[in-house]
Every structure is written in structure tokens, then in C-alpha cells.
């Protein structure tokens, strides 16, 4: 069995110092990706540095049109937050759809975003909302953050401390999940702010989360699900695995985008 030392830290600065002084350390947040890979022997860090109890990385607040969520905030906290539900209800709904109750009470937003799993939900929200990823070193715009499958712009030892979400006029999220894992097979996060529209697709892309520019252009001209009828997503951009072919996922992503747009219309009708 590979020996690993466990450290529980109280501040971001303490975590960064500890990381810099170890041979092959890894940060631990919710642990839903890291711990299974360790069990399989695919990852063998010398040290685990637990970020889960750092108070400065927790909490939710709104100021100046920005909804800020600490990176160590649990999915369940985001889903239940009155601030999130009031200002970006699609984000609260998305957080409440992640995994099961046990996952939602352990998993964190920062861990999901830092790992950039191709089937994760939060990357779609970050990219769709044009959020800013705030770390202990800098601020990274969402369009520059996700760089490939399980890859981000984070440097070794860099810690996500919070994510700043601009509050949109409206947003919608629709997901088709695997019945076994509950991960997204395809999902779309659609955001409208003024005349600008952003559409982020997760669960389906061979390079991870991505913006669907053709869909954005169509919805900017006519914000309705019918406007997407003539659009398509290139199957060459899609994953192929036991859950579906690239063609299947390309079509499914379009279906989810239409559902997200329809959900936004239904939300307005109840106001």
C-alpha cells in the first residue's frame, strides 16, 4: 500500500506553503475524483492537503451584480441558498441535480471546476455564465480557464478560492444523465444578458466543456427553441463511449439546449 500523509489546514496560505514543501502533494476538496483514482492506484500522492475546512473558501454573497461562491462550498449549500435561488435559480437547480444526496453534501464547487471532468455540471455554469475563477494568485476568465479534457489553466499548487458569477437576465440548464453514474451524458447551460447569449455544453465534448457558438448566434437573433431547429453541433467534437456515439451526443446536446431555452421561458411565465 502506498503511504500518504494527510494534512488538515485552516488557511489558504498554510495550504500553499505545505504544498510547496512536499514531494508529490495533492489538494483534497470533496474527493469524489481523487479518492477513487487513489483506490485504483492511478494516483499516489505523497501528501493529501484537505481544503474542506478553510473558512475563507466558504460562503455565498452578492455585491455589485456578482454572485460570489466560495470554492469549498458544498453542492447542497449552493442548491439551498436563498441568494443563489433568487439571483441565478438555474445555478441552484443545477447544483441540486448533481449526483445523489451524499455526493451533494460532500462535493464542492471548487473541486468540480478544478478537475474539469468532461461530464461535470459546474464547468458548464462557469463557462455559460462567463464567470471569473479567483485563485490565491490571480483572476482567470472562464473563457481562458478550461483548456482540455481534465485540463485547466491552473498552475501547480494554485488554489481556487471562489468563483464570481455575473448575474444574468435569465439562465436555464437541462441535463440528460446516465442512470448508473448520474453524470451528464449531455447537458446545456444557456444564459441571456441583454442581447448577448452564451451556451455551454458539458458531458458530451471530446475536449471537455465548450461553448456552442452557432447556437449562441441563432439565439441572439431569435431567443426561442424554434430558432435552434436549423442548428447542429459537429459530431467530430463529441465523445464516444458506452453511453453513446458522437452523433447521438451531438443530437442530445441540441435537445438539451432547446429544453434549457424552454425552461427559461417557463420560469418567466411564473413571475
C-alpha atoms as a PDB file:
ATOM      1  CA  UNK A   1       0.000   0.000   0.000  1.00  0.00           C
ATOM      2  CA  UNK A   2       1.348   3.421  -0.936  1.00  0.00           C
ATOM      3  CA  UNK A   3       1.949   5.625   2.131  1.00  0.00           C
ATOM      4  CA  UNK A   4       0.189   9.011   2.072  1.00  0.00           C
ATOM      5  CA  UNK A   5       0.276  11.694   4.740  1.00  0.00           C
ATOM      6  CA  UNK A   6      -2.969  13.552   5.470  1.00  0.00           C
ATOM      7  CA  UNK A   7      -2.975  17.251   6.444  1.00  0.00           C
ATOM      8  CA  UNK A   8      -5.926  19.371   7.544  1.00  0.00           C
ATOM      9  CA  UNK A   9      -5.233  23.081   7.108  1.00  0.00           C
ATOM     10  CA  UNK A  10      -7.058  26.204   8.307  1.00  0.00           C
ATOM     11  CA  UNK A  11      -5.971  28.836   5.789  1.00  0.00           C
ATOM     12  CA  UNK A  12      -5.184  29.140   2.088  1.00  0.00           C
ATOM     13  CA  UNK A  13      -1.698  30.423   2.880  1.00  0.00           C
ATOM     14  CA  UNK A  14      -0.987  27.384   5.068  1.00  0.00           C
ATOM     15  CA  UNK A  15      -2.164  25.050   2.307  1.00  0.00           C
ATOM     16  CA  UNK A  16       0.052  26.727  -0.298  1.00  0.00           C
ATOM     17  CA  UNK A  17       3.131  26.601   1.965  1.00  0.00           C
ATOM     18  CA  UNK A  18       2.557  22.947   2.745  1.00  0.00           C
ATOM     19  CA  UNK A  19       2.074  22.073  -0.929  1.00  0.00           C
ATOM     20  CA  UNK A  20       5.365  23.767  -1.843  1.00  0.00           C
ATOM     21  CA  UNK A  21       7.291  21.742   0.723  1.00  0.00           C
ATOM     22  CA  UNK A  22       6.162  18.224  -0.202  1.00  0.00           C
ATOM     23  CA  UNK A  23       7.446  15.736  -2.762  1.00  0.00           C
ATOM     24  CA  UNK A  24       4.240  14.958  -4.686  1.00  0.00           C
ATOM     25  CA  UNK A  25       1.277  16.551  -2.902  1.00  0.00           C
ATOM     26  CA  UNK A  26      -2.352  16.870  -3.933  1.00  0.00           C
ATOM     27  CA  UNK A  27      -5.144  19.078  -2.691  1.00  0.00           C
ATOM     28  CA  UNK A  28      -8.264  17.327  -1.414  1.00  0.00           C
ATOM     29  CA  UNK A  29     -11.652  19.008  -1.616  1.00  0.00           C
ATOM     30  CA  UNK A  30     -14.749  16.812  -1.948  1.00  0.00           C
ATOM     31  CA  UNK A  31     -12.587  13.868  -3.003  1.00  0.00           C
ATOM     32  CA  UNK A  32     -15.052  12.343  -5.459  1.00  0.00           C
ATOM     33  CA  UNK A  33     -12.454  12.060  -8.211  1.00  0.00           C
ATOM     34  CA  UNK A  34      -9.163  11.935  -6.338  1.00  0.00           C
ATOM     35  CA  UNK A  35     -10.028   9.197  -3.822  1.00  0.00           C
ATOM     36  CA  UNK A  36     -11.363   6.701  -6.416  1.00  0.00           C
ATOM     37  CA  UNK A  37      -8.247   7.208  -8.559  1.00  0.00           C
ATOM     38  CA  UNK A  38      -6.089   6.561  -5.492  1.00  0.00           C
ATOM     39  CA  UNK A  39      -8.001   3.349  -4.761  1.00  0.00           C
ATOM     40  CA  UNK A  40      -7.305   2.200  -8.308  1.00  0.00           C
ATOM     41  CA  UNK A  41      -3.617   3.054  -7.958  1.00  0.00           C
ATOM     42  CA  UNK A  42      -3.799   5.649 -10.712  1.00  0.00           C
ATOM     43  CA  UNK A  43      -2.758   8.471  -8.381  1.00  0.00           C
ATOM     44  CA  UNK A  44      -0.350   8.093  -5.470  1.00  0.00           C
ATOM     45  CA  UNK A  45       0.299  11.469  -3.845  1.00  0.00           C
ATOM     46  CA  UNK A  46       2.841  11.708  -1.063  1.00  0.00           C
ATOM     47  CA  UNK A  47       0.570  14.098   0.834  1.00  0.00           C
ATOM     48  CA  UNK A  48      -3.123  14.990   0.868  1.00  0.00           C
ATOM     49  CA  UNK A  49      -3.856  18.584   1.845  1.00  0.00           C
ATOM     50  CA  UNK A  50      -7.507  18.919   2.867  1.00  0.00           C
ATOM     51  CA  UNK A  51      -9.017  22.280   1.868  1.00  0.00           C
ATOM     52  CA  UNK A  52     -12.521  21.444   3.047  1.00  0.00           C
ATOM     53  CA  UNK A  53     -12.432  23.338   6.346  1.00  0.00           C
ATOM     54  CA  UNK A  54     -10.863  26.585   5.211  1.00  0.00           C
ATOM     55  CA  UNK A  55     -13.455  29.187   6.224  1.00  0.00           C
ATOM     56  CA  UNK A  56     -12.206  31.827   3.789  1.00  0.00           C
ATOM     57  CA  UNK A  57     -13.109  29.428   0.947  1.00  0.00           C
ATOM     58  CA  UNK A  58     -16.716  29.026   2.053  1.00  0.00           C
ATOM     59  CA  UNK A  59     -19.811  31.187   1.827  1.00  0.00           C
ATOM     60  CA  UNK A  60     -22.093  32.878  -0.689  1.00  0.00           C
ATOM     61  CA  UNK A  61     -22.615  36.616  -1.170  1.00  0.00           C
ATOM     62  CA  UNK A  62     -23.871  39.134  -3.720  1.00  0.00           C
ATOM     63  CA  UNK A  63     -22.309  42.507  -4.437  1.00  0.00           C
ATOM     64  CA  UNK A  64     -22.361  44.777  -7.466  1.00  0.00           C
ATOM     65  CA  UNK A  65     -24.184  42.359  -9.755  1.00  0.00           C
ATOM     66  CA  UNK A  66     -21.818  39.483  -8.914  1.00  0.00           C
ATOM     67  CA  UNK A  67     -22.766  36.292  -7.095  1.00  0.00           C
ATOM     68  CA  UNK A  68     -19.626  35.028  -5.343  1.00  0.00           C
ATOM     69  CA  UNK A  69     -19.422  31.446  -4.102  1.00  0.00           C
ATOM     70  CA  UNK A  70     -16.519  30.098  -2.079  1.00  0.00           C
ATOM     71  CA  UNK A  71     -14.725  27.164  -3.660  1.00  0.00           C
ATOM     72  CA  UNK A  72     -15.223  24.928  -0.601  1.00  0.00           C
ATOM     73  CA  UNK A  73     -18.991  25.497  -0.604  1.00  0.00           C
ATOM     74  CA  UNK A  74     -20.861  22.183  -0.884  1.00  0.00           C
ATOM     75  CA  UNK A  75     -23.265  21.469  -3.729  1.00  0.00           C
ATOM     76  CA  UNK A  76     -26.125  21.135  -1.240  1.00  0.00           C
ATOM     77  CA  UNK A  77     -25.372  24.580   0.184  1.00  0.00           C
ATOM     78  CA  UNK A  78     -25.454  26.142  -3.263  1.00  0.00           C
ATOM     79  CA  UNK A  79     -28.707  24.372  -4.125  1.00  0.00           C
ATOM     80  CA  UNK A  80     -30.412  25.538  -0.919  1.00  0.00           C
ATOM     81  CA  UNK A  81     -29.025  29.091  -0.806  1.00  0.00           C
ATOM     82  CA  UNK A  82     -31.730  31.794  -0.930  1.00  0.00           C
ATOM     83  CA  UNK A  83     -29.226  34.115  -2.632  1.00  0.00           C
ATOM     84  CA  UNK A  84     -28.461  31.650  -5.419  1.00  0.00           C
ATOM     85  CA  UNK A  85     -32.108  30.718  -5.864  1.00  0.00           C
ATOM     86  CA  UNK A  86     -33.093  34.389  -6.099  1.00  0.00           C
ATOM     87  CA  UNK A  87     -30.340  35.648  -8.397  1.00  0.00           C
ATOM     88  CA  UNK A  88     -29.384  32.622 -10.548  1.00  0.00           C
ATOM     89  CA  UNK A  89     -32.043  29.943  -9.977  1.00  0.00           C
ATOM     90  CA  UNK A  90     -30.639  27.794 -12.793  1.00  0.00           C
ATOM     91  CA  UNK A  91     -27.366  27.520 -10.865  1.00  0.00           C
ATOM     92  CA  UNK A  92     -29.201  26.403  -7.727  1.00  0.00           C
ATOM     93  CA  UNK A  93     -31.194  23.873  -9.751  1.00  0.00           C
ATOM     94  CA  UNK A  94     -28.047  22.564 -11.391  1.00  0.00           C
ATOM     95  CA  UNK A  95     -26.309  22.108  -8.027  1.00  0.00           C
ATOM     96  CA  UNK A  96     -29.349  20.231  -6.757  1.00  0.00           C
ATOM     97  CA  UNK A  97     -29.181  17.825  -9.698  1.00  0.00           C
ATOM     98  CA  UNK A  98     -25.617  16.673  -9.071  1.00  0.00           C
ATOM     99  CA  UNK A  99     -25.180  13.008  -8.124  1.00  0.00           C
ATOM    100  CA  UNK A 100     -27.215  11.968  -5.105  1.00  0.00           C
ATOM    101  CA  UNK A 101     -27.760  13.401  -1.632  1.00  0.00           C
ATOM    102  CA  UNK A 102     -24.492  12.010  -0.315  1.00  0.00           C
ATOM    103  CA  UNK A 103     -22.485  13.495  -3.181  1.00  0.00           C
ATOM    104  CA  UNK A 104     -24.170  16.883  -2.817  1.00  0.00           C
ATOM    105  CA  UNK A 105     -23.359  17.074   0.886  1.00  0.00           C
ATOM    106  CA  UNK A 106     -19.676  16.283   0.315  1.00  0.00           C
ATOM    107  CA  UNK A 107     -18.710  17.567  -3.135  1.00  0.00           C
ATOM    108  CA  UNK A 108     -17.516  21.142  -3.605  1.00  0.00           C
ATOM    109  CA  UNK A 109     -17.783  23.623  -6.431  1.00  0.00           C
ATOM    110  CA  UNK A 110     -14.042  24.314  -6.484  1.00  0.00           C
ATOM    111  CA  UNK A 111     -13.143  20.643  -6.684  1.00  0.00           C
ATOM    112  CA  UNK A 112     -15.510  20.089  -9.601  1.00  0.00           C
ATOM    113  CA  UNK A 113     -14.197  23.073 -11.538  1.00  0.00           C
ATOM    114  CA  UNK A 114     -10.528  22.344 -10.849  1.00  0.00           C
ATOM    115  CA  UNK A 115     -10.880  18.731 -12.008  1.00  0.00           C
ATOM    116  CA  UNK A 116     -12.772  19.664 -15.204  1.00  0.00           C
ATOM    117  CA  UNK A 117     -14.293  16.236 -15.671  1.00  0.00           C
ATOM    118  CA  UNK A 118     -15.957  16.148 -19.114  1.00  0.00           C
ATOM    119  CA  UNK A 119     -19.228  15.005 -17.515  1.00  0.00           C
ATOM    120  CA  UNK A 120     -19.249  17.505 -14.624  1.00  0.00           C
ATOM    121  CA  UNK A 121     -22.010  20.096 -14.243  1.00  0.00           C
ATOM    122  CA  UNK A 122     -20.220  23.111 -12.779  1.00  0.00           C
ATOM    123  CA  UNK A 123     -17.895  23.764 -15.739  1.00  0.00           C
ATOM    124  CA  UNK A 124     -20.995  24.429 -17.865  1.00  0.00           C
ATOM    125  CA  UNK A 125     -22.249  27.001 -15.353  1.00  0.00           C
ATOM    126  CA  UNK A 126     -18.857  28.698 -15.099  1.00  0.00           C
ATOM    127  CA  UNK A 127     -18.409  28.887 -18.871  1.00  0.00           C
ATOM    128  CA  UNK A 128     -22.041  29.661 -19.665  1.00  0.00           C
ATOM    129  CA  UNK A 129     -22.270  32.488 -17.150  1.00  0.00           C
ATOM    130  CA  UNK A 130     -18.897  33.904 -18.154  1.00  0.00           C
ATOM    131  CA  UNK A 131     -17.696  33.611 -14.565  1.00  0.00           C
ATOM    132  CA  UNK A 132     -14.293  34.505 -13.179  1.00  0.00           C
ATOM    133  CA  UNK A 133     -12.282  31.848 -11.355  1.00  0.00           C
ATOM    134  CA  UNK A 134     -10.483  33.514  -8.449  1.00  0.00           C
ATOM    135  CA  UNK A 135      -7.376  31.797  -7.093  1.00  0.00           C
ATOM    136  CA  UNK A 136      -4.801  32.577  -4.429  1.00  0.00           C
ATOM    137  CA  UNK A 137      -2.677  34.114  -7.217  1.00  0.00           C
ATOM    138  CA  UNK A 138      -4.935  35.705  -9.852  1.00  0.00           C
ATOM    139  CA  UNK A 139      -8.317  36.031 -11.552  1.00  0.00           C
ATOM    140  CA  UNK A 140      -8.971  33.799 -14.588  1.00  0.00           C
ATOM    141  CA  UNK A 141     -11.869  34.451 -17.011  1.00  0.00           C
ATOM    142  CA  UNK A 142     -13.929  31.355 -17.756  1.00  0.00           C
ATOM    143  CA  UNK A 143     -13.092  31.503 -21.473  1.00  0.00           C
ATOM    144  CA  UNK A 144      -9.395  31.112 -20.582  1.00  0.00           C
ATOM    145  CA  UNK A 145      -9.776  28.594 -17.761  1.00  0.00           C
ATOM    146  CA  UNK A 146     -10.836  25.309 -19.383  1.00  0.00           C
ATOM    147  CA  UNK A 147      -8.063  24.117 -21.686  1.00  0.00           C
ATOM    148  CA  UNK A 148      -8.927  20.468 -22.448  1.00  0.00           C
ATOM    149  CA  UNK A 149     -10.099  17.158 -21.055  1.00  0.00           C
ATOM    150  CA  UNK A 150      -9.317  17.256 -17.306  1.00  0.00           C
ATOM    151  CA  UNK A 151      -7.097  20.250 -18.060  1.00  0.00           C
ATOM    152  CA  UNK A 152      -7.322  23.844 -16.829  1.00  0.00           C
ATOM    153  CA  UNK A 153      -5.183  26.973 -16.685  1.00  0.00           C
ATOM    154  CA  UNK A 154      -4.320  26.293 -13.026  1.00  0.00           C
ATOM    155  CA  UNK A 155      -0.618  26.187 -12.267  1.00  0.00           C
ATOM    156  CA  UNK A 156       0.906  23.606  -9.873  1.00  0.00           C
ATOM    157  CA  UNK A 157      -0.111  24.432  -6.326  1.00  0.00           C
ATOM    158  CA  UNK A 158      -2.617  27.108  -7.340  1.00  0.00           C
ATOM    159  CA  UNK A 159      -5.833  27.075  -5.297  1.00  0.00           C
ATOM    160  CA  UNK A 160      -9.301  28.145  -6.436  1.00  0.00           C
ATOM    161  CA  UNK A 161     -10.678  30.261  -3.582  1.00  0.00           C
ATOM    162  CA  UNK A 162     -14.001  31.392  -5.052  1.00  0.00           C
ATOM    163  CA  UNK A 163     -15.900  31.830  -8.304  1.00  0.00           C
ATOM    164  CA  UNK A 164     -17.571  35.114  -9.267  1.00  0.00           C
ATOM    165  CA  UNK A 165     -20.708  34.708 -11.384  1.00  0.00           C
ATOM    166  CA  UNK A 166     -22.166  37.761 -13.164  1.00  0.00           C
ATOM    167  CA  UNK A 167     -25.908  37.790 -12.504  1.00  0.00           C
ATOM    168  CA  UNK A 168     -27.686  37.358 -15.880  1.00  0.00           C
ATOM    169  CA  UNK A 169     -31.137  38.409 -17.002  1.00  0.00           C
ATOM    170  CA  UNK A 170     -32.051  34.727 -17.217  1.00  0.00           C
ATOM    171  CA  UNK A 171     -30.449  31.300 -17.413  1.00  0.00           C
ATOM    172  CA  UNK A 172     -31.505  27.701 -17.928  1.00  0.00           C
ATOM    173  CA  UNK A 173     -29.918  24.283 -17.537  1.00  0.00           C
ATOM    174  CA  UNK A 174     -31.010  20.939 -18.926  1.00  0.00           C
ATOM    175  CA  UNK A 175     -29.219  17.631 -18.461  1.00  0.00           C
ATOM    176  CA  UNK A 176     -29.587  14.067 -19.699  1.00  0.00           C
ATOM    177  CA  UNK A 177     -27.869  11.930 -17.106  1.00  0.00           C
ATOM    178  CA  UNK A 178     -26.546   8.398 -17.030  1.00  0.00           C
ATOM    179  CA  UNK A 179     -28.902   6.257 -14.933  1.00  0.00           C
ATOM    180  CA  UNK A 180     -25.902   4.474 -13.424  1.00  0.00           C
ATOM    181  CA  UNK A 181     -23.436   7.257 -12.584  1.00  0.00           C
ATOM    182  CA  UNK A 182     -25.831  10.251 -12.740  1.00  0.00           C
ATOM    183  CA  UNK A 183     -23.134  12.135 -14.627  1.00  0.00           C
ATOM    184  CA  UNK A 184     -24.257  14.155 -17.628  1.00  0.00           C
ATOM    185  CA  UNK A 185     -24.238  12.334 -20.957  1.00  0.00           C
ATOM    186  CA  UNK A 186     -25.065  15.719 -22.450  1.00  0.00           C
ATOM    187  CA  UNK A 187     -26.163  18.977 -20.849  1.00  0.00           C
ATOM    188  CA  UNK A 188     -26.514  22.613 -21.826  1.00  0.00           C
ATOM    189  CA  UNK A 189     -26.371  25.812 -19.774  1.00  0.00           C
ATOM    190  CA  UNK A 190     -27.959  28.736 -21.625  1.00  0.00           C
ATOM    191  CA  UNK A 191     -27.517  32.333 -20.426  1.00  0.00           C
ATOM    192  CA  UNK A 192     -29.076  35.570 -21.640  1.00  0.00           C
ATOM    193  CA  UNK A 193     -27.866  39.015 -20.613  1.00  0.00           C
ATOM    194  CA  UNK A 194     -29.266  41.874 -22.635  1.00  0.00           C
ATOM    195  CA  UNK A 195     -28.825  40.905 -26.280  1.00  0.00           C
ATOM    196  CA  UNK A 196     -25.916  38.573 -25.566  1.00  0.00           C
ATOM    197  CA  UNK A 197     -26.370  34.809 -25.312  1.00  0.00           C
ATOM    198  CA  UNK A 198     -23.916  32.160 -24.120  1.00  0.00           C
ATOM    199  CA  UNK A 199     -24.416  28.405 -24.468  1.00  0.00           C
ATOM    200  CA  UNK A 200     -22.080  25.959 -22.730  1.00  0.00           C
ATOM    201  CA  UNK A 201     -22.257  22.211 -23.366  1.00  0.00           C
ATOM    202  CA  UNK A 202     -20.913  19.640 -20.924  1.00  0.00           C
ATOM    203  CA  UNK A 203     -20.934  15.851 -20.733  1.00  0.00           C
ATOM    204  CA  UNK A 204     -20.540  15.460 -24.461  1.00  0.00           C
ATOM    205  CA  UNK A 205     -17.404  17.142 -25.771  1.00  0.00           C
ATOM    206  CA  UNK A 206     -14.255  15.184 -26.538  1.00  0.00           C
ATOM    207  CA  UNK A 207     -12.265  18.172 -25.263  1.00  0.00           C
ATOM    208  CA  UNK A 208     -14.473  18.786 -22.246  1.00  0.00           C
ATOM    209  CA  UNK A 209     -16.883  21.669 -21.762  1.00  0.00           C
ATOM    210  CA  UNK A 210     -17.238  24.055 -24.713  1.00  0.00           C
ATOM    211  CA  UNK A 211     -19.276  26.986 -25.986  1.00  0.00           C
ATOM    212  CA  UNK A 212     -21.698  26.256 -28.825  1.00  0.00           C
ATOM    213  CA  UNK A 213     -21.156  29.389 -30.919  1.00  0.00           C
ATOM    214  CA  UNK A 214     -23.650  28.515 -33.682  1.00  0.00           C
ATOM    215  CA  UNK A 215     -26.385  28.150 -31.077  1.00  0.00           C
ATOM    216  CA  UNK A 216     -25.375  31.430 -29.458  1.00  0.00           C
ATOM    217  CA  UNK A 217     -25.639  33.263 -32.773  1.00  0.00           C
ATOM    218  CA  UNK A 218     -29.060  31.788 -33.543  1.00  0.00           C
ATOM    219  CA  UNK A 219     -30.453  32.632 -30.115  1.00  0.00           C
ATOM    220  CA  UNK A 220     -29.028  36.157 -30.263  1.00  0.00           C
ATOM    221  CA  UNK A 221     -31.163  36.741 -33.364  1.00  0.00           C
ATOM    222  CA  UNK A 222     -34.278  34.971 -32.076  1.00  0.00           C
ATOM    223  CA  UNK A 223     -34.375  33.759 -28.495  1.00  0.00           C
ATOM    224  CA  UNK A 224     -36.614  30.735 -28.856  1.00  0.00           C
ATOM    225  CA  UNK A 225     -36.083  26.990 -29.021  1.00  0.00           C
ATOM    226  CA  UNK A 226     -37.501  27.085 -32.553  1.00  0.00           C
ATOM    227  CA  UNK A 227     -34.508  29.209 -33.605  1.00  0.00           C
ATOM    228  CA  UNK A 228     -32.274  26.195 -32.959  1.00  0.00           C
ATOM    229  CA  UNK A 229     -34.058  23.946 -35.447  1.00  0.00           C
ATOM    230  CA  UNK A 230     -31.583  24.707 -38.238  1.00  0.00           C
ATOM    231  CA  UNK A 231     -28.506  24.463 -35.979  1.00  0.00           C
ATOM    232  CA  UNK A 232     -26.253  21.494 -35.421  1.00  0.00           C
ATOM    233  CA  UNK A 233     -23.274  20.541 -33.326  1.00  0.00           C
ATOM    234  CA  UNK A 234     -20.417  18.838 -35.153  1.00  0.00           C
ATOM    235  CA  UNK A 235     -20.216  15.150 -34.095  1.00  0.00           C
ATOM    236  CA  UNK A 236     -16.440  15.353 -34.569  1.00  0.00           C
ATOM    237  CA  UNK A 237     -16.373  17.402 -31.358  1.00  0.00           C
ATOM    238  CA  UNK A 238     -18.194  14.717 -29.361  1.00  0.00           C
ATOM    239  CA  UNK A 239     -17.165  11.889 -27.064  1.00  0.00           C
ATOM    240  CA  UNK A 240     -17.749   8.257 -27.947  1.00  0.00           C
ATOM    241  CA  UNK A 241     -18.152   5.735 -25.141  1.00  0.00           C
ATOM    242  CA  UNK A 242     -20.586   3.165 -23.726  1.00  0.00           C
ATOM    243  CA  UNK A 243     -23.152   5.931 -23.230  1.00  0.00           C
ATOM    244  CA  UNK A 244     -23.427   6.878 -26.888  1.00  0.00           C
ATOM    245  CA  UNK A 245     -21.873   7.611 -30.251  1.00  0.00           C
ATOM    246  CA  UNK A 246     -20.663  11.099 -31.241  1.00  0.00           C
ATOM    247  CA  UNK A 247     -23.736  11.504 -33.461  1.00  0.00           C
ATOM    248  CA  UNK A 248     -26.038  10.562 -30.601  1.00  0.00           C
ATOM    249  CA  UNK A 249     -24.367  13.012 -28.246  1.00  0.00           C
ATOM    250  CA  UNK A 250     -24.418  15.818 -30.816  1.00  0.00           C
ATOM    251  CA  UNK A 251     -28.162  15.400 -31.233  1.00  0.00           C
ATOM    252  CA  UNK A 252     -28.706  15.028 -27.497  1.00  0.00           C
ATOM    253  CA  UNK A 253     -26.812  18.254 -26.777  1.00  0.00           C
ATOM    254  CA  UNK A 254     -29.140  20.064 -29.179  1.00  0.00           C
ATOM    255  CA  UNK A 255     -32.167  18.612 -27.398  1.00  0.00           C
ATOM    256  CA  UNK A 256     -30.812  19.766 -24.033  1.00  0.00           C
ATOM    257  CA  UNK A 257     -30.168  23.270 -25.389  1.00  0.00           C
ATOM    258  CA  UNK A 258     -33.770  23.524 -26.586  1.00  0.00           C
ATOM    259  CA  UNK A 259     -35.040  22.296 -23.224  1.00  0.00           C
ATOM    260  CA  UNK A 260     -32.889  24.843 -21.392  1.00  0.00           C
ATOM    261  CA  UNK A 261     -34.312  27.667 -23.523  1.00  0.00           C
ATOM    262  CA  UNK A 262     -37.872  26.417 -22.961  1.00  0.00           C
ATOM    263  CA  UNK A 263     -37.239  26.231 -19.202  1.00  0.00           C
ATOM    264  CA  UNK A 264     -36.190  29.883 -19.232  1.00  0.00           C
ATOM    265  CA  UNK A 265     -39.482  30.837 -20.885  1.00  0.00           C
ATOM    266  CA  UNK A 266     -41.472  28.799 -18.391  1.00  0.00           C
ATOM    267  CA  UNK A 267     -39.652  30.451 -15.480  1.00  0.00           C
ATOM    268  CA  UNK A 268     -40.590  33.911 -16.808  1.00  0.00           C
ATOM    269  CA  UNK A 269     -44.225  32.908 -17.174  1.00  0.00           C
ATOM    270  CA  UNK A 270     -44.470  32.120 -13.463  1.00  0.00           C
ATOM    271  CA  UNK A 271     -43.124  35.501 -12.299  1.00  0.00           C
END
